[in-house]
Amino acid sequence: MMTSVLWQALLETLYMTGVATVLAHVAGVPLGVLLVVTDRGHVLEQRALHEVLAGVVNVGRSIPFIILLVAIIPFTRWVVGTSIGTTAAMVPLTVAAIPFVARLVEAALREVDPGVVEAAQAMGATPWQIVTRVLLPEALPGLALGAAITAISVVGYSAMAGAVGGGGLGDLAVRYGYQRFRTDIMAQTVILLVVLVQGMQALGDAAARRIGRRR
């Protein structure tokens, strides 16, 4: 019985992590790009916009996840109709991961050699072409590593979401491992989380190396 429960909890964690990571990148990557290209001296310099975006990202990153989880319960209910369960947990997971992704994307793009951007500008490339054909392709290894780091962070967040009925391995650890004093379940949950995180990091490292060799 416990094997099936562990398997179900693992699938719920993978579901939450996968969907939240993808959605966070859908919003976080454009935000990270804007943070770079609107900065001083870049292709779309807009200092006022840059400061506003940076402030929003900093506020998002400064809120502890457990507080965010509770604070946006009305928004979660509005989006998915409930604040309990695996699907509901994906809303705060995504919201928490968006500013994290934005900063990782910003860091990866800032690693791109400015000379490459200047060469593209000298050849008459538009800002859109510079972003899509220079910045993002050149930053792909860093973006791949950032995606792995984000997924790992979301796994940690999902464990906290389990403490308030979010499902997944965190919920299993609380309900069975902590509340029922099942140290064996707690140990198995921890092992699964460690294996999951190690696997994600290994995939991210492999993807970054492969992309680096193709460049």
Protein backbone atom coordinates (compact mmCIF):
# COMPACT_ATOMS: atom_id res chain seq x y z
CA MET A 1 0.00 0.00 0.00
CA MET A 2 2.71 2.47 0.99
CA THR A 3 4.55 1.84 -2.28
CA SER A 4 1.50 2.98 -4.24
CA VAL A 5 1.10 6.00 -1.97
CA LEU A 6 4.74 6.96 -2.45
CA TRP A 7 4.42 6.52 -6.20
CA GLN A 8 1.30 8.68 -6.29
CA ALA A 9 3.00 11.39 -4.22
CA LEU A 10 6.03 11.33 -6.54
CA LEU A 11 3.79 11.72 -9.60
CA GLU A 12 2.01 14.65 -7.95
CA THR A 13 5.34 16.32 -7.21
CA LEU A 14 6.51 15.80 -10.79
CA TYR A 15 3.21 17.18 -12.08
CA MET A 16 3.38 20.28 -9.91
CA THR A 17 7.06 20.86 -10.63
CA GLY A 18 6.82 20.34 -14.37
CA VAL A 19 3.79 22.53 -15.00
CA ALA A 20 4.89 25.30 -12.62
CA THR A 21 8.41 25.37 -14.10
CA VAL A 22 7.09 25.65 -17.66
CA LEU A 23 4.57 28.36 -16.77
CA ALA A 24 7.20 30.27 -14.79
CA HIS A 25 9.49 30.28 -17.83
CA VAL A 26 6.68 31.45 -20.10
CA ALA A 27 6.42 34.60 -17.98
CA GLY A 28 9.91 34.76 -16.50
CA VAL A 29 11.99 34.58 -19.69
CA PRO A 30 10.40 37.68 -21.31
CA LEU A 31 10.69 39.47 -17.98
CA GLY A 32 14.37 38.60 -17.71
CA VAL A 33 14.99 39.74 -21.28
CA LEU A 34 13.29 43.06 -20.56
CA LEU A 35 15.45 43.53 -17.47
CA VAL A 36 18.53 43.32 -19.68
CA VAL A 37 17.53 45.16 -22.85
CA THR A 38 15.96 48.11 -20.98
CA ASP A 39 19.04 48.67 -18.84
CA ARG A 40 21.46 51.55 -19.38
CA GLY A 41 23.33 51.33 -22.67
CA HIS A 42 21.38 48.39 -24.08
CA VAL A 43 19.31 48.05 -27.24
CA LEU A 44 16.02 49.25 -25.72
CA GLU A 45 17.26 51.50 -22.93
CA GLN A 46 14.33 52.59 -20.77
CA ARG A 47 15.62 53.37 -17.31
CA ALA A 48 12.20 54.05 -15.79
CA LEU A 49 10.77 50.76 -17.08
CA HIS A 50 13.88 48.90 -15.97
CA GLU A 51 13.63 50.24 -12.42
CA VAL A 52 9.93 49.34 -12.22
CA LEU A 53 10.54 45.80 -13.47
CA ALA A 54 13.53 45.33 -11.16
CA GLY A 55 11.47 46.54 -8.22
CA VAL A 56 8.63 44.13 -8.99
CA VAL A 57 11.06 41.22 -9.31
CA ASN A 58 12.81 42.13 -6.06
CA VAL A 59 9.49 42.32 -4.20
CA GLY A 60 8.47 38.92 -5.59
CA ARG A 61 11.75 37.34 -4.53
CA SER A 62 11.65 38.85 -1.04
CA ILE A 63 8.38 37.20 0.01
CA PRO A 64 8.90 33.81 1.71
CA PHE A 65 7.02 31.10 -0.16
CA ILE A 66 4.94 29.94 2.80
CA ILE A 67 3.66 33.51 3.24
CA LEU A 68 3.00 33.90 -0.48
CA LEU A 69 1.14 30.59 -0.44
CA VAL A 70 -1.35 31.94 2.08
CA ALA A 71 -1.45 35.53 0.81
CA ILE A 72 -2.64 34.65 -2.70
CA ILE A 73 -5.29 32.11 -1.68
CA PRO A 74 -8.07 34.35 -3.13
CA PHE A 75 -6.17 34.56 -6.43
CA THR A 76 -5.63 30.80 -6.42
CA ARG A 77 -9.35 30.20 -5.89
CA TRP A 78 -10.14 32.61 -8.71
CA VAL A 79 -7.79 30.83 -11.10
CA VAL A 80 -8.53 27.15 -10.37
CA GLY A 81 -11.64 27.29 -8.18
CA THR A 82 -10.00 25.92 -5.05
CA SER A 83 -7.03 26.54 -2.77
CA ILE A 84 -6.44 22.89 -1.83
CA GLY A 85 -4.89 20.15 -3.89
CA THR A 86 -2.13 19.58 -6.39
CA THR A 87 -3.56 21.77 -9.14
CA ALA A 88 -4.18 24.64 -6.72
CA ALA A 89 -0.60 24.41 -5.45
CA MET A 90 0.71 25.11 -8.95
CA VAL A 91 -0.59 28.70 -8.81
CA PRO A 92 1.62 29.90 -5.91
CA LEU A 93 4.46 27.71 -7.19
CA THR A 94 4.34 29.49 -10.54
CA VAL A 95 3.99 32.96 -9.01
CA ALA A 96 6.95 32.32 -6.70
CA ALA A 97 9.15 30.97 -9.52
CA ILE A 98 8.56 33.77 -12.05
CA PRO A 99 10.87 36.38 -10.42
CA PHE A 100 13.42 33.63 -9.75
CA VAL A 101 13.43 32.69 -13.45
CA ALA A 102 13.65 36.35 -14.46
CA ARG A 103 16.83 36.88 -12.44
CA LEU A 104 18.42 33.68 -13.75
CA VAL A 105 17.63 34.69 -17.32
CA GLU A 106 19.02 38.17 -16.67
CA ALA A 107 22.25 36.69 -15.30
CA ALA A 108 22.62 34.35 -18.29
CA LEU A 109 22.06 37.15 -20.81
CA ARG A 110 24.54 39.44 -19.09
CA GLU A 111 27.20 36.78 -19.62
CA VAL A 112 26.91 37.24 -23.39
CA ASP A 113 29.91 39.08 -24.84
CA PRO A 114 28.87 42.72 -25.43
CA GLY A 115 31.03 42.69 -28.55
CA VAL A 116 28.67 40.21 -30.19
CA VAL A 117 25.73 42.51 -29.54
CA GLU A 118 27.65 45.52 -30.86
CA ALA A 119 28.58 43.60 -34.01
CA ALA A 120 24.92 42.74 -34.60
CA GLN A 121 23.95 46.38 -34.13
CA ALA A 122 26.65 47.47 -36.57
CA MET A 123 25.16 45.13 -39.18
CA GLY A 124 21.78 46.78 -38.75
CA ALA A 125 20.03 44.14 -36.65
CA THR A 126 16.81 45.24 -34.99
CA PRO A 127 16.34 44.89 -31.20
CA TRP A 128 14.07 41.89 -31.80
CA GLN A 129 16.71 40.22 -33.98
CA ILE A 130 19.40 40.91 -31.40
CA VAL A 131 17.29 39.26 -28.69
CA THR A 132 16.18 36.23 -30.72
CA ARG A 133 19.31 35.63 -32.83
CA VAL A 134 22.11 36.82 -30.57
CA LEU A 135 21.28 37.09 -26.87
CA LEU A 136 19.09 34.01 -26.38
CA PRO A 137 21.13 31.63 -28.60
CA GLU A 138 24.41 32.72 -27.00
CA ALA A 139 22.96 32.32 -23.50
CA LEU A 140 21.42 28.88 -24.07
CA PRO A 141 23.86 26.89 -21.86
CA GLY A 142 23.25 29.26 -18.96
CA LEU A 143 19.50 29.17 -19.60
CA ALA A 144 19.54 25.36 -19.51
CA LEU A 145 21.31 25.38 -16.15
CA GLY A 146 18.89 28.02 -14.93
CA ALA A 147 15.93 25.85 -15.89
CA ALA A 148 17.37 22.99 -13.83
CA ILE A 149 17.96 25.27 -10.85
CA THR A 150 14.41 26.57 -11.14
CA ALA A 151 12.94 23.07 -11.23
CA ILE A 152 14.95 22.12 -8.14
CA SER A 153 13.72 25.20 -6.31
CA VAL A 154 10.13 24.42 -7.28
CA VAL A 155 10.55 20.92 -5.86
CA GLY A 156 11.51 22.53 -2.54
CA TYR A 157 8.55 24.89 -2.74
CA SER A 158 6.20 21.98 -3.52
CA ALA A 159 7.30 20.24 -0.34
CA MET A 160 6.21 23.32 1.62
CA ALA A 161 2.94 23.42 -0.32
CA GLY A 162 2.31 19.89 0.89
CA ALA A 163 2.20 21.18 4.44
CA VAL A 164 -1.05 22.99 3.64
CA GLY A 165 -2.72 20.28 1.57
CA GLY A 166 -0.91 20.77 -1.70
CA GLY A 167 -0.28 17.09 -2.25
CA GLY A 168 2.96 15.49 -3.37
CA LEU A 169 5.89 14.23 -1.34
CA GLY A 170 5.71 17.12 1.12
CA ASP A 171 2.11 16.32 1.98
CA LEU A 172 3.00 12.65 2.38
CA ALA A 173 5.91 13.46 4.68
CA VAL A 174 3.68 15.60 6.90
CA ARG A 175 0.63 13.32 7.05
CA TYR A 176 2.41 10.00 7.38
CA GLY A 177 5.97 10.74 8.40
CA TYR A 178 5.35 13.52 10.93
CA GLN A 179 1.77 13.24 12.17
CA ARG A 180 1.80 9.43 12.38
CA PHE A 181 5.42 9.16 13.51
CA ARG A 182 6.35 6.97 10.55
CA THR A 183 10.09 7.57 10.34
CA ASP A 184 10.34 4.98 7.56
CA ILE A 185 7.98 7.00 5.37
CA MET A 186 9.86 10.18 6.19
CA ALA A 187 13.16 8.54 5.21
CA GLN A 188 11.74 7.21 1.94
CA THR A 189 10.32 10.62 1.11
CA VAL A 190 13.66 12.30 1.72
CA ILE A 191 15.44 9.71 -0.45
CA LEU A 192 12.97 10.26 -3.30
CA LEU A 193 13.45 14.03 -3.09
CA VAL A 194 17.24 13.67 -3.12
CA VAL A 195 17.12 11.35 -6.15
CA LEU A 196 14.70 13.69 -7.91
CA VAL A 197 16.89 16.74 -7.34
CA GLN A 198 20.06 14.90 -8.39
CA GLY A 199 18.36 13.74 -11.57
CA MET A 200 17.19 17.25 -12.45
CA GLN A 201 20.64 18.70 -11.88
CA ALA A 202 22.25 15.98 -13.97
CA LEU A 203 19.83 16.64 -16.84
CA GLY A 204 20.51 20.37 -16.65
CA ASP A 205 24.28 19.85 -16.67
CA ALA A 206 24.05 17.42 -19.60
CA ALA A 207 21.85 19.81 -21.60
CA ALA A 208 24.22 22.73 -20.98
CA ARG A 209 27.25 20.68 -22.08
CA ARG A 210 25.47 19.44 -25.20
CA ILE A 211 24.38 22.92 -26.18
CA GLY A 212 27.89 24.24 -25.54
CA ARG A 213 29.42 21.64 -27.87
CA ARG A 214 27.00 22.52 -30.67
CA ARG A 215 27.86 26.21 -30.64
